[in-house]
C-alpha atoms as a PDB file:
ATOM      1  CA  MET A   1       0.137  -0.083  -0.242  1.00  0.00           C
ATOM      2  CA  GLN A   2       3.229   2.729   0.877  1.00  0.00           C
ATOM      3  CA  ASP A   3       4.822   1.454  -2.428  1.00  0.00           C
ATOM      4  CA  GLU A   4       1.345   2.392  -4.084  1.00  0.00           C
ATOM      5  CA  MET A   5       1.039   6.096  -2.099  1.00  0.00           C
ATOM      6  CA  MET A   6       4.960   6.461  -3.137  1.00  0.00           C
ATOM      7  CA  ASP A   7       3.729   6.046  -7.093  1.00  0.00           C
ATOM      8  CA  LEU A   8       1.184   8.455  -6.747  1.00  0.00           C
ATOM      9  CA  MET A   9       3.402  10.865  -4.631  1.00  0.00           C
ATOM     10  CA  ASP A  10       5.510  10.850  -7.594  1.00  0.00           C
ATOM     11  CA  VAL A  11       3.378  10.956 -10.332  1.00  0.00           C
ATOM     12  CA  SER A  12       1.672  14.248  -8.537  1.00  0.00           C
ATOM     13  CA  ASN A  13       5.434  16.019  -8.510  1.00  0.00           C
ATOM     14  CA  GLU A  14       5.803  15.180 -12.102  1.00  0.00           C
ATOM     15  CA  ILE A  15       2.406  16.788 -13.087  1.00  0.00           C
ATOM     16  CA  GLN A  16       3.620  19.645 -10.554  1.00  0.00           C
ATOM     17  CA  GLU A  17       6.907  20.096 -12.404  1.00  0.00           C
ATOM     18  CA  THR A  18       5.362  19.801 -15.880  1.00  0.00           C
ATOM     19  CA  LEU A  19       2.757  22.495 -15.136  1.00  0.00           C
ATOM     20  CA  GLY A  20       5.197  24.677 -13.321  1.00  0.00           C
ATOM     21  CA  ARG A  21       7.467  24.715 -16.524  1.00  0.00           C
ATOM     22  CA  SER A  22       8.610  28.277 -17.917  1.00  0.00           C
ATOM     23  CA  TYR A  23       7.967  27.605 -22.015  1.00  0.00           C
ATOM     24  CA  ASN A  24       9.437  31.058 -22.098  1.00  0.00           C
ATOM     25  CA  VAL A  25       6.800  32.877 -24.098  1.00  0.00           C
ATOM     26  CA  PRO A  26       7.454  36.521 -24.860  1.00  0.00           C
ATOM     27  CA  ASP A  27       5.580  39.142 -22.785  1.00  0.00           C
ATOM     28  CA  ASP A  28       4.472  41.314 -25.818  1.00  0.00           C
ATOM     29  CA  ILE A  29       2.199  39.190 -28.250  1.00  0.00           C
ATOM     30  CA  ASP A  30      -0.008  41.059 -29.872  1.00  0.00           C
ATOM     31  CA  GLU A  31      -3.476  39.416 -28.980  1.00  0.00           C
ATOM     32  CA  GLU A  32      -5.134  40.986 -32.188  1.00  0.00           C
ATOM     33  CA  GLU A  33      -2.478  39.454 -34.127  1.00  0.00           C
ATOM     34  CA  LEU A  34      -3.011  36.431 -32.709  1.00  0.00           C
ATOM     35  CA  MET A  35      -7.134  36.555 -33.026  1.00  0.00           C
ATOM     36  CA  GLY A  36      -6.277  37.792 -36.511  1.00  0.00           C
ATOM     37  CA  GLU A  37      -3.997  34.342 -37.178  1.00  0.00           C
ATOM     38  CA  LEU A  38      -7.095  32.109 -35.088  1.00  0.00           C
ATOM     39  CA  ASP A  39      -9.865  33.343 -37.633  1.00  0.00           C
ATOM     40  CA  ALA A  40      -7.759  32.545 -40.610  1.00  0.00           C
ATOM     41  CA  LEU A  41      -7.692  29.301 -39.432  1.00  0.00           C
ATOM     42  CA  GLU A  42     -11.531  28.890 -38.878  1.00  0.00           C
ATOM     43  CA  ALA A  43     -11.837  30.291 -42.568  1.00  0.00           C
ATOM     44  CA  ASP A  44     -10.021  27.649 -43.413  1.00  0.00           C
ATOM     45  CA  MET A  45     -11.203  24.661 -41.788  1.00  0.00           C
ATOM     46  CA  ASP A  46     -14.739  26.169 -42.743  1.00  0.00           C
ATOM     47  CA  PHE A  47     -13.814  25.828 -46.034  1.00  0.00           C
ATOM     48  CA  GLU A  48     -12.696  22.443 -46.284  1.00  0.00           C
ATOM     49  CA  SER A  49     -15.368  21.273 -44.480  1.00  0.00           C
ATOM     50  CA  ASN A  50     -17.700  22.925 -47.011  1.00  0.00           C
ATOM     51  CA  SER A  51     -15.772  20.208 -49.798  1.00  0.00           C
ATOM     52  CA  VAL A  52     -16.393  16.653 -49.947  1.00  0.00           C
ATOM     53  CA  PRO A  53     -12.773  15.243 -50.121  1.00  0.00           C
ATOM     54  CA  SER A  54     -11.757  13.345 -52.861  1.00  0.00           C
ATOM     55  CA  TYR A  55     -11.259  10.101 -51.198  1.00  0.00           C
ATOM     56  CA  LEU A  56     -15.378  10.168 -50.202  1.00  0.00           C
ATOM     57  CA  GLN A  57     -16.835  11.806 -53.401  1.00  0.00           C
ATOM     58  CA  PRO A  58     -18.095   8.359 -55.286  1.00  0.00           C
ATOM     59  CA  ASP A  59     -15.646   6.650 -58.145  1.00  0.00           C
ATOM     60  CA  LYS A  60     -16.118   7.829 -61.423  1.00  0.00           C
ATOM     61  CA  GLU A  61     -15.620   4.497 -62.772  1.00  0.00           C
ATOM     62  CA  THR A  62     -19.014   2.415 -63.392  1.00  0.00           C
ATOM     63  CA  ASP A  63     -17.944  -1.221 -63.826  1.00  0.00           C
ATOM     64  CA  LEU A  64     -14.635  -1.797 -61.792  1.00  0.00           C
ATOM     65  CA  ASP A  65     -14.894  -6.002 -62.263  1.00  0.00           C
ATOM     66  CA  SER A  66     -15.098  -5.889 -65.771  1.00  0.00           C
ATOM     67  CA  GLU A  67     -12.073  -3.693 -66.330  1.00  0.00           C
ATOM     68  CA  LEU A  68      -9.777  -6.204 -63.979  1.00  0.00           C
ATOM     69  CA  ASN A  69     -11.350  -9.577 -65.609  1.00  0.00           C
ATOM     70  CA  LEU A  70     -11.835 -11.449 -62.760  1.00  0.00           C
ATOM     71  CA  PRO A  71     -13.484 -14.929 -62.729  1.00  0.00           C
ATOM     72  CA  ALA A  72     -17.036 -15.092 -61.003  1.00  0.00           C
ATOM     73  CA  ALA A  73     -16.772 -16.318 -57.073  1.00  0.00           C
ATOM     74  CA  PRO A  74     -17.267 -19.888 -56.816  1.00  0.00           C
ATOM     75  CA  SER A  75     -20.614 -20.980 -55.695  1.00  0.00           C
ATOM     76  CA  GLY A  76     -21.787 -24.349 -53.295  1.00  0.00           C
ATOM     77  CA  HIS A  77     -19.112 -26.626 -52.176  1.00  0.00           C
ATOM     78  CA  ALA A  78     -16.993 -28.090 -54.399  1.00  0.00           C
ATOM     79  CA  ALA A  79     -16.574 -31.693 -54.765  1.00  0.00           C
ATOM     80  CA  VAL A  80     -13.677 -33.668 -53.188  1.00  0.00           C
ATOM     81  CA  PRO A  81     -12.458 -36.773 -54.833  1.00  0.00           C
ATOM     82  CA  ALA A  82     -13.694 -40.208 -53.466  1.00  0.00           C
ATOM     83  CA  ASN A  83     -10.278 -41.127 -53.210  1.00  0.00           C
ATOM     84  CA  ARG A  84      -9.116 -37.915 -51.140  1.00  0.00           C
ATOM     85  CA  GLN A  85     -12.008 -37.853 -48.571  1.00  0.00           C
ATOM     86  CA  ASN A  86     -10.562 -38.773 -44.869  1.00  0.00           C
ATOM     87  CA  ARG A  87      -6.901 -38.579 -46.046  1.00  0.00           C
ATOM     88  CA  TRP A  88      -5.840 -36.425 -42.761  1.00  0.00           C
ATOM     89  CA  PHE A  89      -7.555 -38.907 -40.601  1.00  0.00           C
ATOM     90  CA  MET A  90      -5.740 -41.901 -41.869  1.00  0.00           C
ATOM     91  CA  SER A  91      -2.323 -39.900 -41.106  1.00  0.00           C
ATOM     92  CA  PHE A  92      -2.474 -39.690 -37.523  1.00  0.00           C
ATOM     93  CA  PRO A  93      -0.711 -42.684 -35.612  1.00  0.00           C
ATOM     94  CA  MET A  94      -3.274 -44.859 -33.776  1.00  0.00           C
END
């Protein structure tokens, strides 16, 4: 129990140190300039959200299967030759 408490205290100290760090942010920041940049970013995001990205647009190709010349998928079960049935069972020692 004491080990867990010590671990929690260590984590708490790390958090306090991180929050108390100085990031050398200058004091003479122009708030109007920052707001202008923020408005420009918001405008860019609005522009991007109104348009549909190319990967979400419908395909222009009508029949992709015919272009790839793929064979048709098999239907039903494949027939197993009589001499191969239960062959795996015979390979185990008894």
